[in-house]
C-alpha atoms as a PDB file:
ATOM      1  CA  MET A   1      24.018 -33.065 -26.987  1.00  0.00           C
ATOM      2  CA  PRO A   2      20.657 -34.517 -25.851  1.00  0.00           C
ATOM      3  CA  GLU A   3      17.863 -33.714 -28.239  1.00  0.00           C
ATOM      4  CA  GLN A   4      15.103 -31.405 -27.063  1.00  0.00           C
ATOM      5  CA  SER A   5      11.729 -32.095 -28.648  1.00  0.00           C
ATOM      6  CA  PRO A   6       9.987 -28.998 -30.021  1.00  0.00           C
ATOM      7  CA  GLY A   7       8.161 -27.117 -27.271  1.00  0.00           C
ATOM      8  CA  SER A   8       9.647 -29.265 -24.489  1.00  0.00           C
ATOM      9  CA  ARG A   9      11.049 -27.712 -21.340  1.00  0.00           C
ATOM     10  CA  PRO A  10      14.884 -27.484 -21.361  1.00  0.00           C
ATOM     11  CA  THR A  11      16.520 -29.889 -18.896  1.00  0.00           C
ATOM     12  CA  LEU A  12      19.550 -29.524 -16.677  1.00  0.00           C
ATOM     13  CA  GLU A  13      21.214 -32.227 -18.748  1.00  0.00           C
ATOM     14  CA  ALA A  14      20.749 -30.101 -21.855  1.00  0.00           C
ATOM     15  CA  VAL A  15      22.289 -27.113 -20.062  1.00  0.00           C
ATOM     16  CA  ALA A  16      25.275 -29.239 -19.002  1.00  0.00           C
ATOM     17  CA  ALA A  17      25.765 -30.554 -22.541  1.00  0.00           C
ATOM     18  CA  ARG A  18      25.542 -27.090 -24.074  1.00  0.00           C
ATOM     19  CA  ALA A  19      28.097 -25.743 -21.576  1.00  0.00           C
ATOM     20  CA  GLY A  20      30.375 -28.784 -21.896  1.00  0.00           C
ATOM     21  CA  VAL A  21      30.330 -29.565 -18.172  1.00  0.00           C
ATOM     22  CA  SER A  22      28.997 -32.348 -15.976  1.00  0.00           C
ATOM     23  CA  ARG A  23      25.441 -32.317 -14.723  1.00  0.00           C
ATOM     24  CA  ALA A  24      26.746 -31.881 -11.144  1.00  0.00           C
ATOM     25  CA  THR A  25      28.694 -28.772 -12.147  1.00  0.00           C
ATOM     26  CA  ALA A  26      25.692 -27.314 -13.955  1.00  0.00           C
ATOM     27  CA  SER A  27      23.527 -28.017 -10.890  1.00  0.00           C
ATOM     28  CA  ARG A  28      25.937 -26.232  -8.547  1.00  0.00           C
ATOM     29  CA  VAL A  29      25.951 -23.117 -10.731  1.00  0.00           C
ATOM     30  CA  VAL A  30      22.187 -23.043 -11.265  1.00  0.00           C
ATOM     31  CA  ASN A  31      21.459 -23.562  -7.564  1.00  0.00           C
ATOM     32  CA  GLY A  32      23.916 -20.974  -6.311  1.00  0.00           C
ATOM     33  CA  GLY A  33      26.583 -23.378  -5.096  1.00  0.00           C
ATOM     34  CA  VAL A  34      30.283 -22.594  -4.796  1.00  0.00           C
ATOM     35  CA  GLY A  35      33.486 -24.236  -5.943  1.00  0.00           C
ATOM     36  CA  VAL A  36      33.031 -23.822  -9.711  1.00  0.00           C
ATOM     37  CA  ARG A  37      35.677 -22.016 -11.751  1.00  0.00           C
ATOM     38  CA  GLN A  38      34.465 -18.653 -13.082  1.00  0.00           C
ATOM     39  CA  SER A  39      35.033 -19.652 -16.715  1.00  0.00           C
ATOM     40  CA  LEU A  40      32.857 -22.760 -16.328  1.00  0.00           C
ATOM     41  CA  ALA A  41      30.201 -20.882 -14.362  1.00  0.00           C
ATOM     42  CA  ASP A  42      29.999 -18.320 -17.166  1.00  0.00           C
ATOM     43  CA  LYS A  43      29.498 -21.108 -19.736  1.00  0.00           C
ATOM     44  CA  VAL A  44      26.678 -22.602 -17.680  1.00  0.00           C
ATOM     45  CA  ARG A  45      24.941 -19.228 -17.339  1.00  0.00           C
ATOM     46  CA  GLU A  46      25.250 -18.655 -21.092  1.00  0.00           C
ATOM     47  CA  ALA A  47      23.676 -22.068 -21.728  1.00  0.00           C
ATOM     48  CA  VAL A  48      20.852 -21.285 -19.298  1.00  0.00           C
ATOM     49  CA  GLU A  49      20.164 -18.037 -21.183  1.00  0.00           C
ATOM     50  CA  GLU A  50      20.365 -19.606 -24.639  1.00  0.00           C
ATOM     51  CA  LEU A  51      18.095 -22.539 -23.779  1.00  0.00           C
ATOM     52  CA  GLY A  52      15.686 -20.586 -21.586  1.00  0.00           C
ATOM     53  CA  TYR A  53      16.189 -23.079 -18.776  1.00  0.00           C
ATOM     54  CA  VAL A  54      14.064 -22.559 -15.629  1.00  0.00           C
ATOM     55  CA  PRO A  55      15.210 -24.476 -12.501  1.00  0.00           C
ATOM     56  CA  ASN A  56      12.794 -26.936 -10.976  1.00  0.00           C
ATOM     57  CA  GLN A  57      11.936 -25.284  -7.660  1.00  0.00           C
ATOM     58  CA  ALA A  58      11.283 -28.541  -5.807  1.00  0.00           C
ATOM     59  CA  ALA A  59      14.636 -29.960  -6.846  1.00  0.00           C
ATOM     60  CA  ARG A  60      16.354 -26.665  -6.084  1.00  0.00           C
ATOM     61  CA  SER A  61      14.892 -26.660  -2.587  1.00  0.00           C
ATOM     62  CA  LEU A  62      16.464 -30.054  -1.901  1.00  0.00           C
ATOM     63  CA  VAL A  63      19.870 -28.647  -2.823  1.00  0.00           C
ATOM     64  CA  THR A  64      19.638 -25.243  -1.146  1.00  0.00           C
ATOM     65  CA  ARG A  65      17.226 -26.185   1.662  1.00  0.00           C
ATOM     66  CA  GLN A  66      15.306 -23.034   0.746  1.00  0.00           C
ATOM     67  CA  SER A  67      11.724 -22.783  -0.513  1.00  0.00           C
ATOM     68  CA  GLY A  68      12.096 -19.529  -2.441  1.00  0.00           C
ATOM     69  CA  ALA A  69       9.057 -18.142  -0.579  1.00  0.00           C
ATOM     70  CA  VAL A  70       8.652 -15.432   2.074  1.00  0.00           C
ATOM     71  CA  ALA A  71       5.642 -15.044   4.371  1.00  0.00           C
ATOM     72  CA  VAL A  72       4.175 -11.555   4.718  1.00  0.00           C
ATOM     73  CA  ILE A  73       2.234 -11.483   7.988  1.00  0.00           C
ATOM     74  CA  ILE A  74      -0.179  -8.605   8.615  1.00  0.00           C
ATOM     75  CA  ALA A  75      -1.670  -8.423  12.085  1.00  0.00           C
ATOM     76  CA  GLU A  76      -4.942  -6.759  11.099  1.00  0.00           C
ATOM     77  CA  PRO A  77      -8.471  -7.897  10.194  1.00  0.00           C
ATOM     78  CA  GLU A  78      -9.122  -8.654   6.547  1.00  0.00           C
ATOM     79  CA  PHE A  79     -11.327  -5.577   6.039  1.00  0.00           C
ATOM     80  CA  ARG A  80      -8.444  -3.288   7.139  1.00  0.00           C
ATOM     81  CA  ILE A  81      -5.972  -4.906   4.762  1.00  0.00           C
ATOM     82  CA  PHE A  82      -8.187  -4.323   1.742  1.00  0.00           C
ATOM     83  CA  SER A  83      -9.534  -0.904   2.719  1.00  0.00           C
ATOM     84  CA  ASP A  84      -6.371   0.875   3.916  1.00  0.00           C
ATOM     85  CA  PRO A  85      -4.034   2.045   1.110  1.00  0.00           C
ATOM     86  CA  PHE A  86      -1.093   1.820   3.527  1.00  0.00           C
ATOM     87  CA  PHE A  87      -1.098  -1.967   3.311  1.00  0.00           C
ATOM     88  CA  GLU A  88      -1.451  -1.896  -0.469  1.00  0.00           C
ATOM     89  CA  GLN A  89       1.613   0.345  -0.804  1.00  0.00           C
ATOM     90  CA  GLN A  90       3.759  -1.605   1.621  1.00  0.00           C
ATOM     91  CA  VAL A  91       2.878  -4.977   0.096  1.00  0.00           C
ATOM     92  CA  ARG A  92       3.571  -3.543  -3.363  1.00  0.00           C
ATOM     93  CA  GLY A  93       7.077  -2.557  -2.286  1.00  0.00           C
ATOM     94  CA  ILE A  94       7.634  -5.978  -0.726  1.00  0.00           C
ATOM     95  CA  SER A  95       6.312  -7.784  -3.799  1.00  0.00           C
ATOM     96  CA  ARG A  96       8.490  -5.837  -6.222  1.00  0.00           C
ATOM     97  CA  GLU A  97      11.636  -6.453  -4.209  1.00  0.00           C
ATOM     98  CA  LEU A  98      10.844 -10.154  -3.783  1.00  0.00           C
ATOM     99  CA  THR A  99      10.242 -10.454  -7.525  1.00  0.00           C
ATOM    100  CA  ALA A 100      13.621  -8.845  -8.166  1.00  0.00           C
ATOM    101  CA  ASN A 101      15.118 -11.532  -5.914  1.00  0.00           C
ATOM    102  CA  ASP A 102      13.227 -14.371  -7.659  1.00  0.00           C
ATOM    103  CA  ALA A 103      11.195 -15.092  -4.508  1.00  0.00           C
ATOM    104  CA  GLN A 104       7.501 -15.760  -3.979  1.00  0.00           C
ATOM    105  CA  LEU A 105       5.235 -13.795  -1.594  1.00  0.00           C
ATOM    106  CA  VAL A 106       2.864 -15.739   0.661  1.00  0.00           C
ATOM    107  CA  LEU A 107       0.331 -13.419   2.317  1.00  0.00           C
ATOM    108  CA  LEU A 108      -0.927 -14.333   5.794  1.00  0.00           C
ATOM    109  CA  TRP A 109      -3.147 -12.144   7.906  1.00  0.00           C
ATOM    110  CA  VAL A 110      -3.947 -12.524  11.568  1.00  0.00           C
ATOM    111  CA  GLU A 111      -7.313 -11.333  12.806  1.00  0.00           C
ATOM    112  CA  GLY A 112      -6.701 -12.439  16.385  1.00  0.00           C
ATOM    113  CA  PRO A 113      -5.128 -15.009  18.728  1.00  0.00           C
ATOM    114  CA  GLY A 114      -7.351 -17.692  17.212  1.00  0.00           C
ATOM    115  CA  ASP A 115      -5.165 -17.591  14.114  1.00  0.00           C
ATOM    116  CA  TYR A 116      -1.883 -18.123  15.987  1.00  0.00           C
ATOM    117  CA  ASP A 117      -1.864 -21.928  15.842  1.00  0.00           C
ATOM    118  CA  ARG A 118      -2.467 -21.895  12.092  1.00  0.00           C
ATOM    119  CA  ILE A 119       0.335 -19.397  11.506  1.00  0.00           C
ATOM    120  CA  ALA A 120       2.698 -21.288  13.832  1.00  0.00           C
ATOM    121  CA  ARG A 121       2.113 -24.598  12.031  1.00  0.00           C
ATOM    122  CA  TYR A 122       2.669 -22.988   8.653  1.00  0.00           C
ATOM    123  CA  LEU A 123       5.905 -21.249   9.651  1.00  0.00           C
ATOM    124  CA  ALA A 124       7.292 -24.323  11.422  1.00  0.00           C
ATOM    125  CA  GLY A 125       6.471 -26.499   8.402  1.00  0.00           C
ATOM    126  CA  GLY A 126       9.377 -25.182   6.338  1.00  0.00           C
ATOM    127  CA  HIS A 127       7.121 -23.620   3.691  1.00  0.00           C
ATOM    128  CA  VAL A 128       8.979 -20.290   3.740  1.00  0.00           C
ATOM    129  CA  ASP A 129      12.585 -19.162   4.124  1.00  0.00           C
ATOM    130  CA  GLY A 130      11.715 -16.091   6.176  1.00  0.00           C
ATOM    131  CA  ALA A 131       8.942 -13.750   7.218  1.00  0.00           C
ATOM    132  CA  LEU A 132       8.062 -10.058   7.104  1.00  0.00           C
ATOM    133  CA  ALA A 133       5.578  -8.973   9.775  1.00  0.00           C
ATOM    134  CA  PHE A 134       3.971  -5.582  10.263  1.00  0.00           C
ATOM    135  CA  SER A 135       1.151  -3.697  11.957  1.00  0.00           C
ATOM    136  CA  LEU A 136       1.895  -5.489  15.210  1.00  0.00           C
ATOM    137  CA  HIS A 137       0.260  -4.437  18.476  1.00  0.00           C
ATOM    138  CA  ASN A 138       2.027  -4.164  21.827  1.00  0.00           C
ATOM    139  CA  ASP A 139       0.284  -7.193  23.350  1.00  0.00           C
ATOM    140  CA  ASP A 140       0.658  -9.251  20.168  1.00  0.00           C
ATOM    141  CA  GLY A 141       1.898 -12.829  20.609  1.00  0.00           C
ATOM    142  CA  LEU A 142       3.200 -13.005  17.056  1.00  0.00           C
ATOM    143  CA  PRO A 143       6.843 -12.071  17.743  1.00  0.00           C
ATOM    144  CA  ALA A 144       7.179 -14.856  20.317  1.00  0.00           C
ATOM    145  CA  LEU A 145       5.409 -17.292  18.004  1.00  0.00           C
ATOM    146  CA  ILE A 146       7.770 -16.436  15.140  1.00  0.00           C
ATOM    147  CA  ARG A 147      10.812 -16.849  17.409  1.00  0.00           C
ATOM    148  CA  ARG A 148       9.642 -20.318  18.424  1.00  0.00           C
ATOM    149  CA  ALA A 149       9.244 -21.263  14.761  1.00  0.00           C
ATOM    150  CA  LYS A 150      12.916 -20.216  14.211  1.00  0.00           C
ATOM    151  CA  VAL A 151      12.037 -18.352  11.025  1.00  0.00           C
ATOM    152  CA  PRO A 152      14.304 -15.377  10.200  1.00  0.00           C
ATOM    153  CA  THR A 153      12.080 -12.294  10.361  1.00  0.00           C
ATOM    154  CA  VAL A 154      12.151  -8.560   9.752  1.00  0.00           C
ATOM    155  CA  PHE A 155       9.426  -6.385  11.267  1.00  0.00           C
ATOM    156  CA  GLY A 156       7.702  -3.379   9.775  1.00  0.00           C
ATOM    157  CA  GLY A 157       7.512  -0.803  12.541  1.00  0.00           C
ATOM    158  CA  ARG A 158       9.430  -0.465  15.789  1.00  0.00           C
ATOM    159  CA  PRO A 159       8.629  -3.341  18.135  1.00  0.00           C
ATOM    160  CA  GLY A 160       6.953  -2.473  21.410  1.00  0.00           C
ATOM    161  CA  ALA A 161       8.661  -2.203  24.773  1.00  0.00           C
ATOM    162  CA  GLY A 162       9.875  -5.541  26.086  1.00  0.00           C
ATOM    163  CA  ALA A 163      10.069  -7.178  22.657  1.00  0.00           C
ATOM    164  CA  ALA A 164      13.228  -9.100  21.817  1.00  0.00           C
ATOM    165  CA  ALA A 165      15.807  -7.311  19.676  1.00  0.00           C
ATOM    166  CA  VAL A 166      14.848  -7.899  16.042  1.00  0.00           C
ATOM    167  CA  PRO A 167      15.642  -6.070  12.815  1.00  0.00           C
ATOM    168  CA  TYR A 168      12.919  -3.671  11.747  1.00  0.00           C
ATOM    169  CA  VAL A 169      12.192  -0.869   9.283  1.00  0.00           C
ATOM    170  CA  ASP A 170      10.235   2.197  10.360  1.00  0.00           C
ATOM    171  CA  CYS A 171       9.986   5.909   9.653  1.00  0.00           C
ATOM    172  CA  ASP A 172      10.797   8.748  12.025  1.00  0.00           C
ATOM    173  CA  ASN A 173       7.290   8.889  13.458  1.00  0.00           C
ATOM    174  CA  ARG A 174       8.119  11.164  16.373  1.00  0.00           C
ATOM    175  CA  GLY A 175      10.197  13.591  14.312  1.00  0.00           C
ATOM    176  CA  GLY A 176       7.550  13.698  11.587  1.00  0.00           C
ATOM    177  CA  ALA A 177       4.872  14.550  14.150  1.00  0.00           C
ATOM    178  CA  ARG A 178       7.023  17.371  15.508  1.00  0.00           C
ATOM    179  CA  THR A 179       7.399  18.723  11.964  1.00  0.00           C
ATOM    180  CA  ALA A 180       3.619  18.679  11.476  1.00  0.00           C
ATOM    181  CA  VAL A 181       2.853  20.475  14.742  1.00  0.00           C
ATOM    182  CA  ARG A 182       5.619  23.040  14.277  1.00  0.00           C
ATOM    183  CA  HIS A 183       4.173  23.813  10.850  1.00  0.00           C
ATOM    184  CA  LEU A 184       0.788  24.524  12.433  1.00  0.00           C
ATOM    185  CA  VAL A 185       2.406  26.664  15.138  1.00  0.00           C
ATOM    186  CA  GLY A 186       4.254  28.546  12.405  1.00  0.00           C
ATOM    187  CA  LEU A 187       0.907  29.345  10.786  1.00  0.00           C
ATOM    188  CA  GLY A 188      -0.102  31.122  13.997  1.00  0.00           C
ATOM    189  CA  ARG A 189      -2.473  28.400  15.236  1.00  0.00           C
ATOM    190  CA  GLU A 190      -2.875  28.382  18.991  1.00  0.00           C
ATOM    191  CA  ARG A 191      -5.396  25.627  19.798  1.00  0.00           C
ATOM    192  CA  ILE A 192      -4.000  22.606  17.962  1.00  0.00           C
ATOM    193  CA  ALA A 193      -5.848  19.326  18.471  1.00  0.00           C
ATOM    194  CA  HIS A 194      -4.503  15.815  17.957  1.00  0.00           C
ATOM    195  CA  ILE A 195      -6.410  12.804  16.640  1.00  0.00           C
ATOM    196  CA  ALA A 196      -4.300   9.931  17.967  1.00  0.00           C
ATOM    197  CA  GLY A 197      -3.934   6.417  16.587  1.00  0.00           C
ATOM    198  CA  PRO A 198      -4.298   3.144  18.504  1.00  0.00           C
ATOM    199  CA  ARG A 199      -2.680   3.221  21.933  1.00  0.00           C
ATOM    200  CA  ASP A 200      -1.158  -0.235  21.398  1.00  0.00           C
ATOM    201  CA  GLN A 201       0.859   0.565  18.267  1.00  0.00           C
ATOM    202  CA  THR A 202       4.285   2.177  18.468  1.00  0.00           C
ATOM    203  CA  SER A 203       3.742   4.387  15.416  1.00  0.00           C
ATOM    204  CA  ALA A 204       0.714   6.026  17.047  1.00  0.00           C
ATOM    205  CA  ILE A 205       2.490   6.323  20.393  1.00  0.00           C
ATOM    206  CA  ASP A 206       5.514   7.975  18.771  1.00  0.00           C
ATOM    207  CA  ARG A 207       3.349  10.440  16.829  1.00  0.00           C
ATOM    208  CA  ALA A 208       1.447  11.397  19.975  1.00  0.00           C
ATOM    209  CA  ASP A 209       4.783  11.892  21.746  1.00  0.00           C
ATOM    210  CA  GLY A 210       5.942  14.143  18.884  1.00  0.00           C
ATOM    211  CA  TYR A 211       2.800  16.255  19.295  1.00  0.00           C
ATOM    212  CA  ARG A 212       3.518  16.623  23.024  1.00  0.00           C
ATOM    213  CA  ASP A 213       7.186  17.403  22.371  1.00  0.00           C
ATOM    214  CA  VAL A 214       6.045  20.661  20.753  1.00  0.00           C
ATOM    215  CA  LEU A 215       2.889  21.285  22.789  1.00  0.00           C
ATOM    216  CA  PHE A 216       3.979  19.869  26.161  1.00  0.00           C
ATOM    217  CA  ASP A 217       1.308  21.888  28.002  1.00  0.00           C
ATOM    218  CA  ALA A 218      -1.572  21.205  25.582  1.00  0.00           C
ATOM    219  CA  ASP A 219      -5.043  20.874  27.071  1.00  0.00           C
ATOM    220  CA  PRO A 220      -5.883  17.111  27.319  1.00  0.00           C
ATOM    221  CA  ALA A 221      -9.315  18.006  25.914  1.00  0.00           C
ATOM    222  CA  LEU A 222      -7.552  18.726  22.612  1.00  0.00           C
ATOM    223  CA  THR A 223      -6.653  15.038  22.114  1.00  0.00           C
ATOM    224  CA  ALA A 224      -9.157  12.447  20.903  1.00  0.00           C
ATOM    225  CA  GLN A 225      -8.652   8.779  20.153  1.00  0.00           C
ATOM    226  CA  GLY A 226      -8.924   7.086  16.741  1.00  0.00           C
ATOM    227  CA  ASP A 227      -7.905   3.728  15.298  1.00  0.00           C
ATOM    228  CA  PHE A 228      -6.337   4.754  11.942  1.00  0.00           C
ATOM    229  CA  THR A 229      -9.651   4.390  10.055  1.00  0.00           C
ATOM    230  CA  GLU A 230     -11.516   7.233   8.363  1.00  0.00           C
ATOM    231  CA  ASP A 231     -14.656   6.692  10.433  1.00  0.00           C
ATOM    232  CA  SER A 232     -12.680   6.909  13.668  1.00  0.00           C
ATOM    233  CA  GLY A 233     -11.197  10.208  12.485  1.00  0.00           C
ATOM    234  CA  ALA A 234     -14.688  11.548  11.860  1.00  0.00           C
ATOM    235  CA  ARG A 235     -15.873  10.464  15.313  1.00  0.00           C
ATOM    236  CA  ALA A 236     -12.805  11.984  16.981  1.00  0.00           C
ATOM    237  CA  MET A 237     -13.293  15.265  15.116  1.00  0.00           C
ATOM    238  CA  ALA A 238     -16.911  15.477  16.208  1.00  0.00           C
ATOM    239  CA  GLU A 239     -15.839  14.804  19.789  1.00  0.00           C
ATOM    240  CA  LEU A 240     -13.157  17.492  19.645  1.00  0.00           C
ATOM    241  CA  LEU A 241     -15.579  20.085  18.297  1.00  0.00           C
ATOM    242  CA  GLU A 242     -17.973  19.318  21.149  1.00  0.00           C
ATOM    243  CA  ARG A 243     -15.220  19.694  23.752  1.00  0.00           C
ATOM    244  CA  ARG A 244     -13.238  22.548  22.200  1.00  0.00           C
ATOM    245  CA  PRO A 245     -15.285  24.386  19.566  1.00  0.00           C
ATOM    246  CA  ASP A 246     -12.590  27.082  19.536  1.00  0.00           C
ATOM    247  CA  LEU A 247      -9.878  24.778  18.136  1.00  0.00           C
ATOM    248  CA  ASP A 248      -8.118  26.199  15.088  1.00  0.00           C
ATOM    249  CA  ALA A 249      -5.936  23.290  13.895  1.00  0.00           C
ATOM    250  CA  VAL A 250      -5.787  19.495  13.885  1.00  0.00           C
ATOM    251  CA  PHE A 251      -2.881  17.089  13.538  1.00  0.00           C
ATOM    252  CA  ALA A 252      -4.232  13.623  12.694  1.00  0.00           C
ATOM    253  CA  ALA A 253      -1.947  10.609  13.157  1.00  0.00           C
ATOM    254  CA  ASN A 254      -2.668   9.299   9.655  1.00  0.00           C
ATOM    255  CA  ASP A 255      -4.238  10.444   6.400  1.00  0.00           C
ATOM    256  CA  LEU A 256      -7.392   8.349   6.692  1.00  0.00           C
ATOM    257  CA  MET A 257      -8.283   9.900  10.049  1.00  0.00           C
ATOM    258  CA  ALA A 258      -7.469  13.329   8.629  1.00  0.00           C
ATOM    259  CA  ALA A 259      -9.872  12.642   5.754  1.00  0.00           C
ATOM    260  CA  GLY A 260     -12.585  11.768   8.263  1.00  0.00           C
ATOM    261  CA  ALA A 261     -11.852  14.975  10.164  1.00  0.00           C
ATOM    262  CA  LEU A 262     -12.121  17.044   6.975  1.00  0.00           C
ATOM    263  CA  ARG A 263     -15.502  15.490   6.243  1.00  0.00           C
ATOM    264  CA  VAL A 264     -16.892  16.485   9.661  1.00  0.00           C
ATOM    265  CA  LEU A 265     -15.430  19.985   9.462  1.00  0.00           C
ATOM    266  CA  ARG A 266     -17.108  20.426   6.082  1.00  0.00           C
ATOM    267  CA  GLU A 267     -20.431  19.162   7.455  1.00  0.00           C
ATOM    268  CA  ARG A 268     -20.181  21.577  10.415  1.00  0.00           C
ATOM    269  CA  GLY A 269     -19.479  24.523   8.143  1.00  0.00           C
ATOM    270  CA  ARG A 270     -15.875  25.042   9.310  1.00  0.00           C
ATOM    271  CA  ARG A 271     -13.688  26.441   6.529  1.00  0.00           C
ATOM    272  CA  VAL A 272     -10.372  24.661   5.964  1.00  0.00           C
ATOM    273  CA  PRO A 273      -7.768  26.044   6.303  1.00  0.00           C
ATOM    274  CA  ASP A 274      -9.176  29.525   7.096  1.00  0.00           C
ATOM    275  CA  GLN A 275     -10.839  28.517  10.355  1.00  0.00           C
ATOM    276  CA  VAL A 276      -9.250  25.122  10.999  1.00  0.00           C
ATOM    277  CA  ALA A 277      -5.973  23.917   9.473  1.00  0.00           C
ATOM    278  CA  VAL A 278      -5.484  20.145   9.111  1.00  0.00           C
ATOM    279  CA  VAL A 279      -2.320  18.054   8.747  1.00  0.00           C
ATOM    280  CA  GLY A 280      -2.187  14.272   8.323  1.00  0.00           C
ATOM    281  CA  PHE A 281       0.565  11.669   8.298  1.00  0.00           C
ATOM    282  CA  ASP A 282       1.602   9.133   5.578  1.00  0.00           C
ATOM    283  CA  ASP A 283       1.101  10.986   2.278  1.00  0.00           C
ATOM    284  CA  MET A 284      -1.014   8.237   0.784  1.00  0.00           C
ATOM    285  CA  VAL A 285      -1.584  10.081  -2.476  1.00  0.00           C
ATOM    286  CA  THR A 286      -4.940   8.447  -3.233  1.00  0.00           C
ATOM    287  CA  VAL A 287      -6.238   9.833   0.062  1.00  0.00           C
ATOM    288  CA  ALA A 288      -4.337  13.122   0.366  1.00  0.00           C
ATOM    289  CA  GLU A 289      -4.962  14.420  -3.144  1.00  0.00           C
ATOM    290  CA  SER A 290      -8.635  13.407  -3.273  1.00  0.00           C
ATOM    291  CA  ALA A 291      -9.448  15.017   0.082  1.00  0.00           C
ATOM    292  CA  LYS A 292     -11.444  18.250   0.066  1.00  0.00           C
ATOM    293  CA  PRO A 293      -9.373  20.364   0.308  1.00  0.00           C
ATOM    294  CA  SER A 294      -6.249  18.395  -0.595  1.00  0.00           C
ATOM    295  CA  LEU A 295      -4.372  17.327   2.504  1.00  0.00           C
ATOM    296  CA  THR A 296      -1.118  18.720   3.845  1.00  0.00           C
ATOM    297  CA  THR A 297       0.629  15.722   5.359  1.00  0.00           C
ATOM    298  CA  VAL A 298       3.877  14.182   6.552  1.00  0.00           C
ATOM    299  CA  ARG A 299       5.296  11.869   3.928  1.00  0.00           C
ATOM    300  CA  GLN A 300       6.812   8.511   4.738  1.00  0.00           C
ATOM    301  CA  ASP A 301       8.096   6.265   1.933  1.00  0.00           C
ATOM    302  CA  ILE A 302       5.714   3.375   2.502  1.00  0.00           C
ATOM    303  CA  GLU A 303       6.661   1.386  -0.594  1.00  0.00           C
ATOM    304  CA  GLY A 304      10.355   2.050   0.064  1.00  0.00           C
ATOM    305  CA  MET A 305       9.992   0.658   3.587  1.00  0.00           C
ATOM    306  CA  GLY A 306       8.560  -2.539   2.113  1.00  0.00           C
ATOM    307  CA  ARG A 307      11.555  -2.852  -0.195  1.00  0.00           C
ATOM    308  CA  LEU A 308      13.979  -2.272   2.682  1.00  0.00           C
ATOM    309  CA  MET A 309      12.304  -4.984   4.759  1.00  0.00           C
ATOM    310  CA  VAL A 310      13.058  -7.487   1.981  1.00  0.00           C
ATOM    311  CA  ARG A 311      16.666  -6.288   1.692  1.00  0.00           C
ATOM    312  CA  LEU A 312      17.242  -6.727   5.427  1.00  0.00           C
ATOM    313  CA  LEU A 313      15.712 -10.205   5.308  1.00  0.00           C
ATOM    314  CA  THR A 314      17.856 -11.098   2.298  1.00  0.00           C
ATOM    315  CA  ARG A 315      20.918 -10.090   4.304  1.00  0.00           C
ATOM    316  CA  VAL A 316      19.871 -12.366   7.171  1.00  0.00           C
ATOM    317  CA  LEU A 317      19.265 -15.296   4.821  1.00  0.00           C
ATOM    318  CA  SER A 318      22.551 -14.777   2.995  1.00  0.00           C
ATOM    319  CA  GLN A 319      24.395 -14.909   6.329  1.00  0.00           C
ATOM    320  CA  ASP A 320      22.612 -18.038   7.438  1.00  0.00           C
ATOM    321  CA  GLY A 321      21.748 -20.613   4.819  1.00  0.00           C
ATOM    322  CA  ASP A 322      20.321 -23.231   7.174  1.00  0.00           C
ATOM    323  CA  GLY A 323      17.562 -21.054   8.683  1.00  0.00           C
ATOM    324  CA  ARG A 324      19.029 -20.494  12.141  1.00  0.00           C
ATOM    325  CA  HIS A 325      18.968 -17.027  13.628  1.00  0.00           C
ATOM    326  CA  VAL A 326      22.089 -14.926  13.225  1.00  0.00           C
ATOM    327  CA  GLY A 327      23.113 -11.537  14.546  1.00  0.00           C
ATOM    328  CA  ALA A 328      20.445  -9.111  13.410  1.00  0.00           C
ATOM    329  CA  PRO A 329      21.462  -6.455  10.893  1.00  0.00           C
ATOM    330  CA  ALA A 330      20.965  -2.864  11.928  1.00  0.00           C
ATOM    331  CA  SER A 331      17.380  -1.651  11.841  1.00  0.00           C
ATOM    332  CA  VAL A 332      16.499   1.276   9.578  1.00  0.00           C
ATOM    333  CA  ILE A 333      14.657   4.492  10.487  1.00  0.00           C
ATOM    334  CA  MET A 334      13.639   6.331   7.324  1.00  0.00           C
ATOM    335  CA  PRO A 335      13.259  10.131   7.220  1.00  0.00           C
ATOM    336  CA  THR A 336       9.958  11.967   6.798  1.00  0.00           C
ATOM    337  CA  GLU A 337       9.075  15.283   5.165  1.00  0.00           C
ATOM    338  CA  LEU A 338       6.148  17.684   5.135  1.00  0.00           C
ATOM    339  CA  VAL A 339       4.152  17.837   1.895  1.00  0.00           C
ATOM    340  CA  ARG A 340       2.185  21.082   1.716  1.00  0.00           C
ATOM    341  CA  ARG A 341      -1.225  21.121   0.055  1.00  0.00           C
ATOM    342  CA  ALA A 342      -4.359  23.169   0.592  1.00  0.00           C
ATOM    343  CA  SER A 343      -5.497  22.078   4.063  1.00  0.00           C
ATOM    344  CA  ALA A 344      -2.734  23.837   6.030  1.00  0.00           C
END
């Protein structure tokens, strides 16, 4: 058996010698190839474990034609990515699942169309095996760009109307919104306002539709526009109070906007929930539990959705080793649930 100098990195030759097989056989087992008898494959894996062998990624890529890396593309400005806990939770779920699959995360964010060429060159350059893209907007050119790069992709969130059929993971945004509004109706609230999210994102559109499903004849003056940030929630709340000072409940399309609404209600001397009940959406615990009062909200499993995105992508890659598109696996819509706290 080849000698290993103290502290040196174990080689594939040493693995082959320990297992009593050829180097080619050891390479096929280590790199996920087929055609090796189970008994020999088991010996190679035992040798890998005993020696602490770590495959050379560059060499492995030549064999498998895979980089071992996945691009995570977030279509939001940098300040949103680092200030919104939603992205932190979703990326955490993605990162943990990629780690479990021995894959590397490459984070790319897109602040606008000026970044498209850079992203396109990177994806087309063979640096990643696949991509996970989320927070897309209806007029976003990213889906078409990714298709042209022929990179297998799973999307976070339901694609907008007219988008090509692609696998995606989302929560039941419309059903969750209905649950929130029905809860407020059940509390006896009669003038329920809605702070809506961006008009060009399907999650916000679906939540607004859920609000209207329950309150189909609601006064349009009871809806104000936000952009999923806390400041926009505060501005929308102030606008609603100017237009309808008699409102007695608010459903905000995410927790950050609900937190902004709570701040304005507190500043205006409105007691929550006695005078105005408030419900958010997401159940981002760092936001919901630190709000004053703590926020009743609709929970979606944000980290779990990140994990599921990786699992769907893994299924695509396992069906298609050479990077071409294959039939998309079924998309996943995850359930939501109401989490009751002090605000409603």
